[in-house]
Amino acid sequence: MKKMVLLLLVLALMCTAGAAVAHPPSEVSLSYSRDEGILKVDAPHSVSDGKKHYINLFTVSVNGQVMYTLEPAWQVDGKTSTAMFQVGDLPVETVVEVEAICNRVGKKKSTLTVE
């Protein structure tokens, strides 16, 4: 009986080990340049191997409508995933929302209201 309990415990730990190291970006930082019409997205996401563990989807919505989806194939930098989007001259009070999703587990959203 003790061996069976030990085996079940080991199997449970093995099943959750992958999720323990996988994580969403720690934040999603947005900056908008009206002069250039560019939205810059920084998603800090520390990884040891950006080809296996990375931000695999950015979704940019403007006033609730999806404007862009970007599906990177890997993360170049082991610390942060960065993306830039041409959004044009957005009117004041425009709400921009970006969601970044990790290919393993987790997602994070951030919202910016144009001033």
PDB file of N, CA and C in Angstrom:
ATOM      1  N   MET A   1       0.823  -1.189   0.000  1.00  0.00           N
ATOM      2  CA  MET A   1       0.000   0.000   0.000  1.00  0.00           C
ATOM      3  C   MET A   1       0.874   1.262   0.000  1.00  0.00           C
ATOM      4  N   LYS A   2       1.952   1.241   0.779  1.00  0.00           N
ATOM      5  CA  LYS A   2       2.852   2.391   0.834  1.00  0.00           C
ATOM      6  C   LYS A   2       3.474   2.664  -0.534  1.00  0.00           C
ATOM      7  N   LYS A   3       3.816   1.596  -1.258  1.00  0.00           N
ATOM      8  CA  LYS A   3       4.404   1.766  -2.589  1.00  0.00           C
ATOM      9  C   LYS A   3       3.408   2.415  -3.543  1.00  0.00           C
ATOM     10  N   MET A   4       2.141   2.057  -3.431  1.00  0.00           N
ATOM     11  CA  MET A   4       1.109   2.606  -4.306  1.00  0.00           C
ATOM     12  C   MET A   4       0.923   4.101  -4.028  1.00  0.00           C
ATOM     13  N   VAL A   5       0.912   4.481  -2.765  1.00  0.00           N
ATOM     14  CA  VAL A   5       0.770   5.890  -2.396  1.00  0.00           C
ATOM     15  C   VAL A   5       1.977   6.685  -2.886  1.00  0.00           C
ATOM     16  N   LEU A   6       3.158   6.130  -2.712  1.00  0.00           N
ATOM     17  CA  LEU A   6       4.375   6.784  -3.167  1.00  0.00           C
ATOM     18  C   LEU A   6       4.366   6.937  -4.688  1.00  0.00           C
ATOM     19  N   LEU A   7       3.953   5.918  -5.398  1.00  0.00           N
ATOM     20  CA  LEU A   7       3.874   5.977  -6.848  1.00  0.00           C
ATOM     21  C   LEU A   7       2.882   7.050  -7.298  1.00  0.00           C
ATOM     22  N   LEU A   8       1.733   7.107  -6.670  1.00  0.00           N
ATOM     23  CA  LEU A   8       0.739   8.128  -7.015  1.00  0.00           C
ATOM     24  C   LEU A   8       1.269   9.538  -6.730  1.00  0.00           C
ATOM     25  N   LEU A   9       1.979   9.701  -5.639  1.00  0.00           N
ATOM     26  CA  LEU A   9       2.564  11.000  -5.299  1.00  0.00           C
ATOM     27  C   LEU A   9       3.596  11.421  -6.343  1.00  0.00           C
ATOM     28  N   VAL A  10       4.456  10.508  -6.744  1.00  0.00           N
ATOM     29  CA  VAL A  10       5.472  10.799  -7.762  1.00  0.00           C
ATOM     30  C   VAL A  10       4.802  11.160  -9.082  1.00  0.00           C
ATOM     31  N   LEU A  11       3.790  10.427  -9.484  1.00  0.00           N
ATOM     32  CA  LEU A  11       3.076  10.727 -10.734  1.00  0.00           C
ATOM     33  C   LEU A  11       2.404  12.095 -10.680  1.00  0.00           C
ATOM     34  N   ALA A  12       1.812  12.420  -9.545  1.00  0.00           N
ATOM     35  CA  ALA A  12       1.168  13.735  -9.392  1.00  0.00           C
ATOM     36  C   ALA A  12       2.196  14.846  -9.499  1.00  0.00           C
ATOM     37  N   LEU A  13       3.355  14.680  -8.896  1.00  0.00           N
ATOM     38  CA  LEU A  13       4.415  15.690  -8.979  1.00  0.00           C
ATOM     39  C   LEU A  13       4.927  15.840 -10.404  1.00  0.00           C
ATOM     40  N   MET A  14       5.051  14.748 -11.117  1.00  0.00           N
ATOM     41  CA  MET A  14       5.525  14.808 -12.498  1.00  0.00           C
ATOM     42  C   MET A  14       4.519  15.531 -13.389  1.00  0.00           C
ATOM     43  N   CYS A  15       3.251  15.326 -13.143  1.00  0.00           N
ATOM     44  CA  CYS A  15       2.220  15.963 -13.966  1.00  0.00           C
ATOM     45  C   CYS A  15       2.154  17.466 -13.741  1.00  0.00           C
ATOM     46  N   THR A  16       2.480  17.919 -12.547  1.00  0.00           N
ATOM     47  CA  THR A  16       2.403  19.347 -12.251  1.00  0.00           C
ATOM     48  C   THR A  16       3.739  20.058 -12.419  1.00  0.00           C
ATOM     49  N   ALA A  17       4.820  19.329 -12.641  1.00  0.00           N
ATOM     50  CA  ALA A  17       6.139  19.962 -12.749  1.00  0.00           C
ATOM     51  C   ALA A  17       6.227  20.909 -13.930  1.00  0.00           C
ATOM     52  N   GLY A  18       5.673  20.550 -15.066  1.00  0.00           N
ATOM     53  CA  GLY A  18       5.713  21.423 -16.243  1.00  0.00           C
ATOM     54  C   GLY A  18       4.972  22.721 -16.015  1.00  0.00           C
ATOM     55  N   ALA A  19       3.831  22.653 -15.368  1.00  0.00           N
ATOM     56  CA  ALA A  19       3.049  23.864 -15.094  1.00  0.00           C
ATOM     57  C   ALA A  19       3.752  24.760 -14.089  1.00  0.00           C
ATOM     58  N   ALA A  20       4.568  24.170 -13.226  1.00  0.00           N
ATOM     59  CA  ALA A  20       5.247  24.971 -12.211  1.00  0.00           C
ATOM     60  C   ALA A  20       6.279  25.907 -12.826  1.00  0.00           C
ATOM     61  N   VAL A  21       6.921  25.505 -13.918  1.00  0.00           N
ATOM     62  CA  VAL A  21       7.926  26.355 -14.538  1.00  0.00           C
ATOM     63  C   VAL A  21       7.337  27.231 -15.637  1.00  0.00           C
ATOM     64  N   ALA A  22       6.166  26.889 -16.124  1.00  0.00           N
ATOM     65  CA  ALA A  22       5.502  27.705 -17.130  1.00  0.00           C
ATOM     66  C   ALA A  22       4.771  28.847 -16.431  1.00  0.00           C
ATOM     67  N   HIS A  23       4.723  29.994 -17.093  1.00  0.00           N
ATOM     68  CA  HIS A  23       4.128  31.154 -16.466  1.00  0.00           C
ATOM     69  C   HIS A  23       3.745  32.192 -17.522  1.00  0.00           C
ATOM     70  N   PRO A  24       2.786  33.036 -17.179  1.00  0.00           N
ATOM     71  CA  PRO A  24       2.435  34.120 -18.100  1.00  0.00           C
ATOM     72  C   PRO A  24       3.480  35.224 -18.000  1.00  0.00           C
ATOM     73  N   PRO A  25       3.411  36.213 -18.880  1.00  0.00           N
ATOM     74  CA  PRO A  25       4.303  37.364 -18.697  1.00  0.00           C
ATOM     75  C   PRO A  25       3.994  38.018 -17.357  1.00  0.00           C
ATOM     76  N   SER A  26       4.997  38.610 -16.739  1.00  0.00           N
ATOM     77  CA  SER A  26       4.784  39.225 -15.427  1.00  0.00           C
ATOM     78  C   SER A  26       3.923  40.485 -15.526  1.00  0.00           C
ATOM     79  N   GLU A  27       3.929  41.126 -16.690  1.00  0.00           N
ATOM     80  CA  GLU A  27       3.086  42.288 -16.948  1.00  0.00           C
ATOM     81  C   GLU A  27       3.031  42.515 -18.456  1.00  0.00           C
ATOM     82  N   VAL A  28       2.150  43.379 -18.869  1.00  0.00           N
ATOM     83  CA  VAL A  28       2.101  43.807 -20.264  1.00  0.00           C
ATOM     84  C   VAL A  28       2.131  45.330 -20.220  1.00  0.00           C
ATOM     85  N   SER A  29       3.228  45.898 -20.685  1.00  0.00           N
ATOM     86  CA  SER A  29       3.439  47.344 -20.643  1.00  0.00           C
ATOM     87  C   SER A  29       3.167  47.927 -22.031  1.00  0.00           C
ATOM     88  N   LEU A  30       2.307  48.949 -22.080  1.00  0.00           N
ATOM     89  CA  LEU A  30       1.927  49.561 -23.347  1.00  0.00           C
ATOM     90  C   LEU A  30       2.400  51.002 -23.410  1.00  0.00           C
ATOM     91  N   SER A  31       2.936  51.399 -24.562  1.00  0.00           N
ATOM     92  CA  SER A  31       3.271  52.802 -24.784  1.00  0.00           C
ATOM     93  C   SER A  31       2.863  53.157 -26.207  1.00  0.00           C
ATOM     94  N   TYR A  32       2.272  54.333 -26.343  1.00  0.00           N
ATOM     95  CA  TYR A  32       1.746  54.768 -27.631  1.00  0.00           C
ATOM     96  C   TYR A  32       2.402  56.072 -28.032  1.00  0.00           C
ATOM     97  N   SER A  33       2.914  56.122 -29.266  1.00  0.00           N
ATOM     98  CA  SER A  33       3.498  57.336 -29.813  1.00  0.00           C
ATOM     99  C   SER A  33       2.542  57.883 -30.867  1.00  0.00           C
ATOM    100  N   ARG A  34       1.883  58.968 -30.546  1.00  0.00           N
ATOM    101  CA  ARG A  34       0.949  59.577 -31.492  1.00  0.00           C
ATOM    102  C   ARG A  34       1.687  60.054 -32.744  1.00  0.00           C
ATOM    103  N   ASP A  35       2.898  60.619 -32.568  1.00  0.00           N
ATOM    104  CA  ASP A  35       3.666  61.121 -33.710  1.00  0.00           C
ATOM    105  C   ASP A  35       3.947  60.036 -34.745  1.00  0.00           C
ATOM    106  N   GLU A  36       4.264  58.851 -34.270  1.00  0.00           N
ATOM    107  CA  GLU A  36       4.594  57.742 -35.176  1.00  0.00           C
ATOM    108  C   GLU A  36       3.407  56.825 -35.442  1.00  0.00           C
ATOM    109  N   GLY A  37       2.358  56.915 -34.602  1.00  0.00           N
ATOM    110  CA  GLY A  37       1.219  56.018 -34.735  1.00  0.00           C
ATOM    111  C   GLY A  37       1.554  54.588 -34.362  1.00  0.00           C
ATOM    112  N   ILE A  38       2.511  54.438 -33.443  1.00  0.00           N
ATOM    113  CA  ILE A  38       3.023  53.118 -33.062  1.00  0.00           C
ATOM    114  C   ILE A  38       2.633  52.789 -31.621  1.00  0.00           C
ATOM    115  N   LEU A  39       2.143  51.568 -31.439  1.00  0.00           N
ATOM    116  CA  LEU A  39       1.899  51.010 -30.107  1.00  0.00           C
ATOM    117  C   LEU A  39       3.019  50.020 -29.828  1.00  0.00           C
ATOM    118  N   LYS A  40       3.737  50.242 -28.734  1.00  0.00           N
ATOM    119  CA  LYS A  40       4.815  49.327 -28.343  1.00  0.00           C
ATOM    120  C   LYS A  40       4.332  48.505 -27.157  1.00  0.00           C
ATOM    121  N   VAL A  41       4.542  47.203 -27.237  1.00  0.00           N
ATOM    122  CA  VAL A  41       4.135  46.276 -26.185  1.00  0.00           C
ATOM    123  C   VAL A  41       5.371  45.563 -25.660  1.00  0.00           C
ATOM    124  N   ASP A  42       5.596  45.654 -24.362  1.00  0.00           N
ATOM    125  CA  ASP A  42       6.674  44.919 -23.701  1.00  0.00           C
ATOM    126  C   ASP A  42       6.031  43.947 -22.719  1.00  0.00           C
ATOM    127  N   ALA A  43       6.378  42.674 -22.859  1.00  0.00           N
ATOM    128  CA  ALA A  43       5.835  41.643 -21.977  1.00  0.00           C
ATOM    129  C   ALA A  43       6.997  40.886 -21.336  1.00  0.00           C
ATOM    130  N   PRO A  44       7.449  41.343 -20.139  1.00  0.00           N
ATOM    131  CA  PRO A  44       8.524  40.628 -19.457  1.00  0.00           C
ATOM    132  C   PRO A  44       8.139  39.164 -19.222  1.00  0.00           C
ATOM    133  N   HIS A  45       9.002  38.270 -19.679  1.00  0.00           N
ATOM    134  CA  HIS A  45       8.713  36.830 -19.624  1.00  0.00           C
ATOM    135  C   HIS A  45      10.046  36.102 -19.626  1.00  0.00           C
ATOM    136  N   SER A  46      10.599  35.897 -18.439  1.00  0.00           N
ATOM    137  CA  SER A  46      11.924  35.276 -18.307  1.00  0.00           C
ATOM    138  C   SER A  46      11.851  33.790 -18.616  1.00  0.00           C
ATOM    139  N   VAL A  47      12.661  33.381 -19.585  1.00  0.00           N
ATOM    140  CA  VAL A  47      12.700  31.976 -19.995  1.00  0.00           C
ATOM    141  C   VAL A  47      14.143  31.564 -20.249  1.00  0.00           C
ATOM    142  N   SER A  48      14.418  30.279 -20.106  1.00  0.00           N
ATOM    143  CA  SER A  48      15.776  29.797 -20.377  1.00  0.00           C
ATOM    144  C   SER A  48      15.931  29.384 -21.837  1.00  0.00           C
ATOM    145  N   ASP A  49      14.828  28.974 -22.484  1.00  0.00           N
ATOM    146  CA  ASP A  49      14.888  28.563 -23.883  1.00  0.00           C
ATOM    147  C   ASP A  49      13.696  29.167 -24.626  1.00  0.00           C
ATOM    148  N   GLY A  50      13.932  30.271 -25.314  1.00  0.00           N
ATOM    149  CA  GLY A  50      12.884  31.001 -26.015  1.00  0.00           C
ATOM    150  C   GLY A  50      12.308  30.275 -27.215  1.00  0.00           C
ATOM    151  N   LYS A  51      12.890  29.160 -27.601  1.00  0.00           N
ATOM    152  CA  LYS A  51      12.331  28.356 -28.705  1.00  0.00           C
ATOM    153  C   LYS A  51      11.275  27.384 -28.194  1.00  0.00           C
ATOM    154  N   LYS A  52      11.337  27.061 -26.902  1.00  0.00           N
ATOM    155  CA  LYS A  52      10.381  26.118 -26.318  1.00  0.00           C
ATOM    156  C   LYS A  52       9.328  26.799 -25.450  1.00  0.00           C
ATOM    157  N   HIS A  53       9.674  27.896 -24.838  1.00  0.00           N
ATOM    158  CA  HIS A  53       8.790  28.583 -23.893  1.00  0.00           C
ATOM    159  C   HIS A  53       8.790  30.060 -24.263  1.00  0.00           C
ATOM    160  N   TYR A  54       7.653  30.572 -24.720  1.00  0.00           N
ATOM    161  CA  TYR A  54       7.624  31.934 -25.256  1.00  0.00           C
ATOM    162  C   TYR A  54       6.198  32.476 -25.285  1.00  0.00           C
ATOM    163  N   ILE A  55       6.079  33.759 -25.541  1.00  0.00           N
ATOM    164  CA  ILE A  55       4.779  34.381 -25.764  1.00  0.00           C
ATOM    165  C   ILE A  55       4.398  34.036 -27.201  1.00  0.00           C
ATOM    166  N   ASN A  56       3.324  33.268 -27.360  1.00  0.00           N
ATOM    167  CA  ASN A  56       2.969  32.809 -28.707  1.00  0.00           C
ATOM    168  C   ASN A  56       1.783  33.557 -29.312  1.00  0.00           C
ATOM    169  N   LEU A  57       1.200  34.507 -28.577  1.00  0.00           N
ATOM    170  CA  LEU A  57       0.096  35.259 -29.154  1.00  0.00           C
ATOM    171  C   LEU A  57      -0.036  36.622 -28.491  1.00  0.00           C
ATOM    172  N   PHE A  58      -0.054  37.650 -29.320  1.00  0.00           N
ATOM    173  CA  PHE A  58      -0.419  39.003 -28.900  1.00  0.00           C
ATOM    174  C   PHE A  58      -1.720  39.342 -29.620  1.00  0.00           C
ATOM    175  N   THR A  59      -2.700  39.844 -28.885  1.00  0.00           N
ATOM    176  CA  THR A  59      -3.942  40.308 -29.496  1.00  0.00           C
ATOM    177  C   THR A  59      -4.122  41.773 -29.118  1.00  0.00           C
ATOM    178  N   VAL A  60      -4.264  42.627 -30.124  1.00  0.00           N
ATOM    179  CA  VAL A  60      -4.449  44.066 -29.916  1.00  0.00           C
ATOM    180  C   VAL A  60      -5.885  44.411 -30.307  1.00  0.00           C
ATOM    181  N   SER A  61      -6.631  44.968 -29.358  1.00  0.00           N
ATOM    182  CA  SER A  61      -8.006  45.405 -29.624  1.00  0.00           C
ATOM    183  C   SER A  61      -8.087  46.909 -29.426  1.00  0.00           C
ATOM    184  N   VAL A  62      -8.813  47.576 -30.323  1.00  0.00           N
ATOM    185  CA  VAL A  62      -9.036  49.019 -30.234  1.00  0.00           C
ATOM    186  C   VAL A  62     -10.539  49.231 -30.095  1.00  0.00           C
ATOM    187  N   ASN A  63     -10.921  49.832 -28.976  1.00  0.00           N
ATOM    188  CA  ASN A  63     -12.335  50.039 -28.651  1.00  0.00           C
ATOM    189  C   ASN A  63     -13.148  48.753 -28.793  1.00  0.00           C
ATOM    190  N   GLY A  64     -12.564  47.650 -28.304  1.00  0.00           N
ATOM    191  CA  GLY A  64     -13.265  46.378 -28.264  1.00  0.00           C
ATOM    192  C   GLY A  64     -13.219  45.550 -29.534  1.00  0.00           C
ATOM    193  N   GLN A  65     -12.612  46.062 -30.595  1.00  0.00           N
ATOM    194  CA  GLN A  65     -12.522  45.306 -31.841  1.00  0.00           C
ATOM    195  C   GLN A  65     -11.079  44.882 -32.092  1.00  0.00           C
ATOM    196  N   VAL A  66     -10.902  43.614 -32.398  1.00  0.00           N
ATOM    197  CA  VAL A  66      -9.547  43.105 -32.651  1.00  0.00           C
ATOM    198  C   VAL A  66      -8.980  43.768 -33.895  1.00  0.00           C
ATOM    199  N   MET A  67      -7.803  44.370 -33.715  1.00  0.00           N
ATOM    200  CA  MET A  67      -7.115  45.025 -34.825  1.00  0.00           C
ATOM    201  C   MET A  67      -5.985  44.143 -35.355  1.00  0.00           C
ATOM    202  N   TYR A  68      -5.251  43.509 -34.436  1.00  0.00           N
ATOM    203  CA  TYR A  68      -4.113  42.667 -34.805  1.00  0.00           C
ATOM    204  C   TYR A  68      -4.082  41.414 -33.947  1.00  0.00           C
ATOM    205  N   THR A  69      -3.604  40.341 -34.542  1.00  0.00           N
ATOM    206  CA  THR A  69      -3.131  39.188 -33.792  1.00  0.00           C
ATOM    207  C   THR A  69      -1.748  38.875 -34.351  1.00  0.00           C
ATOM    208  N   LEU A  70      -0.834  38.624 -33.463  1.00  0.00           N
ATOM    209  CA  LEU A  70       0.539  38.320 -33.842  1.00  0.00           C
ATOM    210  C   LEU A  70       0.919  37.016 -33.153  1.00  0.00           C
ATOM    211  N   GLU A  71       1.419  36.055 -33.925  1.00  0.00           N
ATOM    212  CA  GLU A  71       1.792  34.750 -33.388  1.00  0.00           C
ATOM    213  C   GLU A  71       3.281  34.497 -33.579  1.00  0.00           C
ATOM    214  N   PRO A  72       4.124  35.002 -32.673  1.00  0.00           N
ATOM    215  CA  PRO A  72       5.563  34.752 -32.792  1.00  0.00           C
ATOM    216  C   PRO A  72       5.869  33.253 -32.703  1.00  0.00           C
ATOM    217  N   ALA A  73       6.900  32.830 -33.402  1.00  0.00           N
ATOM    218  CA  ALA A  73       7.305  31.426 -33.396  1.00  0.00           C
ATOM    219  C   ALA A  73       8.263  31.098 -32.256  1.00  0.00           C
ATOM    220  N   TRP A  74       8.897  32.111 -31.681  1.00  0.00           N
ATOM    221  CA  TRP A  74       9.774  31.940 -30.526  1.00  0.00           C
ATOM    222  C   TRP A  74      10.022  33.309 -29.915  1.00  0.00           C
ATOM    223  N   GLN A  75      10.709  33.294 -28.775  1.00  0.00           N
ATOM    224  CA  GLN A  75      11.051  34.524 -28.066  1.00  0.00           C
ATOM    225  C   GLN A  75      12.540  34.763 -28.221  1.00  0.00           C
ATOM    226  N   VAL A  76      12.906  35.859 -28.861  1.00  0.00           N
ATOM    227  CA  VAL A  76      14.301  36.153 -29.173  1.00  0.00           C
ATOM    228  C   VAL A  76      15.101  36.438 -27.902  1.00  0.00           C
ATOM    229  N   ASP A  77      14.549  37.250 -27.035  1.00  0.00           N
ATOM    230  CA  ASP A  77      15.207  37.671 -25.803  1.00  0.00           C
ATOM    231  C   ASP A  77      14.731  36.769 -24.662  1.00  0.00           C
ATOM    232  N   GLY A  78      15.634  36.314 -23.820  1.00  0.00           N
ATOM    233  CA  GLY A  78      15.277  35.443 -22.697  1.00  0.00           C
ATOM    234  C   GLY A  78      14.594  36.165 -21.555  1.00  0.00           C
ATOM    235  N   LYS A  79      14.421  37.487 -21.686  1.00  0.00           N
ATOM    236  CA  LYS A  79      13.823  38.263 -20.591  1.00  0.00           C
ATOM    237  C   LYS A  79      12.479  38.883 -20.953  1.00  0.00           C
ATOM    238  N   THR A  80      12.351  39.379 -22.173  1.00  0.00           N
ATOM    239  CA  THR A  80      11.153  40.125 -22.557  1.00  0.00           C
ATOM    240  C   THR A  80      10.761  39.828 -23.994  1.00  0.00           C
ATOM    241  N   SER A  81       9.466  39.760 -24.204  1.00  0.00           N
ATOM    242  CA  SER A  81       8.942  39.658 -25.562  1.00  0.00           C
ATOM    243  C   SER A  81       8.384  41.039 -25.909  1.00  0.00           C
ATOM    244  N   THR A  82       8.837  41.602 -27.019  1.00  0.00           N
ATOM    245  CA  THR A  82       8.444  42.950 -27.422  1.00  0.00           C
ATOM    246  C   THR A  82       7.831  42.908 -28.814  1.00  0.00           C
ATOM    247  N   ALA A  83       6.775  43.691 -28.992  1.00  0.00           N
ATOM    248  CA  ALA A  83       6.134  43.782 -30.301  1.00  0.00           C
ATOM    249  C   ALA A  83       5.718  45.230 -30.534  1.00  0.00           C
ATOM    250  N   MET A  84       5.694  45.633 -31.806  1.00  0.00           N
ATOM    251  CA  MET A  84       5.261  46.980 -32.168  1.00  0.00           C
ATOM    252  C   MET A  84       4.182  46.875 -33.234  1.00  0.00           C
ATOM    253  N   PHE A  85       3.167  47.728 -33.110  1.00  0.00           N
ATOM    254  CA  PHE A  85       2.031  47.695 -34.018  1.00  0.00           C
ATOM    255  C   PHE A  85       1.746  49.088 -34.553  1.00  0.00           C
ATOM    256  N   GLN A  86       1.505  49.191 -35.843  1.00  0.00           N
ATOM    257  CA  GLN A  86       1.116  50.452 -36.471  1.00  0.00           C
ATOM    258  C   GLN A  86      -0.390  50.619 -36.259  1.00  0.00           C
ATOM    259  N   VAL A  87      -0.767  51.557 -35.394  1.00  0.00           N
ATOM    260  CA  VAL A  87      -2.192  51.768 -35.087  1.00  0.00           C
ATOM    261  C   VAL A  87      -2.708  53.107 -35.584  1.00  0.00           C
ATOM    262  N   GLY A  88      -1.806  53.945 -36.082  1.00  0.00           N
ATOM    263  CA  GLY A  88      -2.211  55.238 -36.619  1.00  0.00           C
ATOM    264  C   GLY A  88      -2.477  56.273 -35.537  1.00  0.00           C
ATOM    265  N   ASP A  89      -3.086  57.371 -35.949  1.00  0.00           N
ATOM    266  CA  ASP A  89      -3.400  58.484 -35.044  1.00  0.00           C
ATOM    267  C   ASP A  89      -4.726  58.193 -34.357  1.00  0.00           C
ATOM    268  N   LEU A  90      -4.664  57.693 -33.142  1.00  0.00           N
ATOM    269  CA  LEU A  90      -5.871  57.323 -32.413  1.00  0.00           C
ATOM    270  C   LEU A  90      -6.471  58.540 -31.698  1.00  0.00           C
ATOM    271  N   PRO A  91      -7.778  58.710 -31.760  1.00  0.00           N
ATOM    272  CA  PRO A  91      -8.416  59.829 -31.071  1.00  0.00           C
ATOM    273  C   PRO A  91      -8.293  59.692 -29.540  1.00  0.00           C
ATOM    274  N   VAL A  92      -8.355  60.825 -28.871  1.00  0.00           N
ATOM    275  CA  VAL A  92      -8.360  60.843 -27.404  1.00  0.00           C
ATOM    276  C   VAL A  92      -9.526  59.987 -26.911  1.00  0.00           C
ATOM    277  N   GLU A  93      -9.309  59.290 -25.800  1.00  0.00           N
ATOM    278  CA  GLU A  93     -10.287  58.400 -25.170  1.00  0.00           C
ATOM    279  C   GLU A  93     -10.415  57.035 -25.861  1.00  0.00           C
ATOM    280  N   THR A  94      -9.611  56.785 -26.896  1.00  0.00           N
ATOM    281  CA  THR A  94      -9.603  55.456 -27.502  1.00  0.00           C
ATOM    282  C   THR A  94      -9.026  54.466 -26.493  1.00  0.00           C
ATOM    283  N   VAL A  95      -9.682  53.319 -26.364  1.00  0.00           N
ATOM    284  CA  VAL A  95      -9.219  52.291 -25.425  1.00  0.00           C
ATOM    285  C   VAL A  95      -8.521  51.185 -26.220  1.00  0.00           C
ATOM    286  N   VAL A  96      -7.258  50.960 -25.865  1.00  0.00           N
ATOM    287  CA  VAL A  96      -6.452  49.920 -26.506  1.00  0.00           C
ATOM    288  C   VAL A  96      -6.187  48.844 -25.457  1.00  0.00           C
ATOM    289  N   GLU A  97      -6.484  47.595 -25.814  1.00  0.00           N
ATOM    290  CA  GLU A  97      -6.236  46.477 -24.905  1.00  0.00           C
ATOM    291  C   GLU A  97      -5.342  45.471 -25.610  1.00  0.00           C
ATOM    292  N   VAL A  98      -4.353  44.982 -24.889  1.00  0.00           N
ATOM    293  CA  VAL A  98      -3.446  43.974 -25.435  1.00  0.00           C
ATOM    294  C   VAL A  98      -3.417  42.789 -24.489  1.00  0.00           C
ATOM    295  N   GLU A  99      -3.532  41.601 -25.069  1.00  0.00           N
ATOM    296  CA  GLU A  99      -3.404  40.366 -24.301  1.00  0.00           C
ATOM    297  C   GLU A  99      -2.199  39.607 -24.844  1.00  0.00           C
ATOM    298  N   ALA A 100      -1.357  39.128 -23.929  1.00  0.00           N
ATOM    299  CA  ALA A 100      -0.193  38.311 -24.285  1.00  0.00           C
ATOM    300  C   ALA A 100      -0.379  36.936 -23.660  1.00  0.00           C
ATOM    301  N   ILE A 101      -0.204  35.898 -24.473  1.00  0.00           N
ATOM    302  CA  ILE A 101      -0.440  34.535 -24.005  1.00  0.00           C
ATOM    303  C   ILE A 101       0.834  33.708 -24.141  1.00  0.00           C
ATOM    304  N   CYS A 102       1.172  33.002 -23.067  1.00  0.00           N
ATOM    305  CA  CYS A 102       2.329  32.098 -23.056  1.00  0.00           C
ATOM    306  C   CYS A 102       1.943  30.790 -23.752  1.00  0.00           C
ATOM    307  N   ASN A 103       2.875  30.217 -24.507  1.00  0.00           N
ATOM    308  CA  ASN A 103       2.577  28.970 -25.225  1.00  0.00           C
ATOM    309  C   ASN A 103       2.402  27.792 -24.277  1.00  0.00           C
ATOM    310  N   ARG A 104       2.833  27.911 -23.048  1.00  0.00           N
ATOM    311  CA  ARG A 104       2.680  26.806 -22.102  1.00  0.00           C
ATOM    312  C   ARG A 104       1.470  27.006 -21.192  1.00  0.00           C
ATOM    313  N   VAL A 105       1.420  28.129 -20.517  1.00  0.00           N
ATOM    314  CA  VAL A 105       0.273  28.383 -19.636  1.00  0.00           C
ATOM    315  C   VAL A 105       0.260  29.852 -19.238  1.00  0.00           C
ATOM    316  N   GLY A 106      -0.897  30.412 -19.187  1.00  0.00           N
ATOM    317  CA  GLY A 106      -1.069  31.748 -18.641  1.00  0.00           C
ATOM    318  C   GLY A 106      -1.159  32.854 -19.666  1.00  0.00           C
ATOM    319  N   LYS A 107      -1.821  33.917 -19.262  1.00  0.00           N
ATOM    320  CA  LYS A 107      -1.976  35.101 -20.102  1.00  0.00           C
ATOM    321  C   LYS A 107      -2.089  36.320 -19.212  1.00  0.00           C
ATOM    322  N   LYS A 108      -1.840  37.477 -19.812  1.00  0.00           N
ATOM    323  CA  LYS A 108      -1.903  38.744 -19.079  1.00  0.00           C
ATOM    324  C   LYS A 108      -2.438  39.786 -20.038  1.00  0.00           C
ATOM    325  N   LYS A 109      -3.284  40.695 -19.510  1.00  0.00           N
ATOM    326  CA  LYS A 109      -3.859  41.776 -20.309  1.00  0.00           C
ATOM    327  C   LYS A 109      -3.458  43.115 -19.718  1.00  0.00           C
ATOM    328  N   SER A 110      -3.453  44.110 -20.589  1.00  0.00           N
ATOM    329  CA  SER A 110      -3.237  45.487 -20.156  1.00  0.00           C
ATOM    330  C   SER A 110      -4.061  46.390 -21.044  1.00  0.00           C
ATOM    331  N   THR A 111      -4.497  47.508 -20.453  1.00  0.00           N
ATOM    332  CA  THR A 111      -5.324  48.478 -21.183  1.00  0.00           C
ATOM    333  C   THR A 111      -4.687  49.855 -21.098  1.00  0.00           C
ATOM    334  N   LEU A 112      -4.796  50.579 -22.201  1.00  0.00           N
ATOM    335  CA  LEU A 112      -4.297  51.955 -22.280  1.00  0.00           C
ATOM    336  C   LEU A 112      -5.419  52.812 -22.864  1.00  0.00           C
ATOM    337  N   THR A 113      -5.687  53.937 -22.230  1.00  0.00           N
ATOM    338  CA  THR A 113      -6.636  54.895 -22.774  1.00  0.00           C
ATOM    339  C   THR A 113      -5.837  56.078 -23.328  1.00  0.00           C
ATOM    340  N   VAL A 114      -6.015  56.355 -24.607  1.00  0.00           N
ATOM    341  CA  VAL A 114      -5.252  57.411 -25.278  1.00  0.00           C
ATOM    342  C   VAL A 114      -5.634  58.765 -24.682  1.00  0.00           C
ATOM    343  N   GLU A 115      -4.602  59.550 -24.364  1.00  0.00           N
ATOM    344  CA  GLU A 115      -4.811  60.886 -23.796  1.00  0.00           C
ATOM    345  C   GLU A 115      -4.529  61.947 -24.815  1.00  0.00           C
TER     346      GLU A 115
END
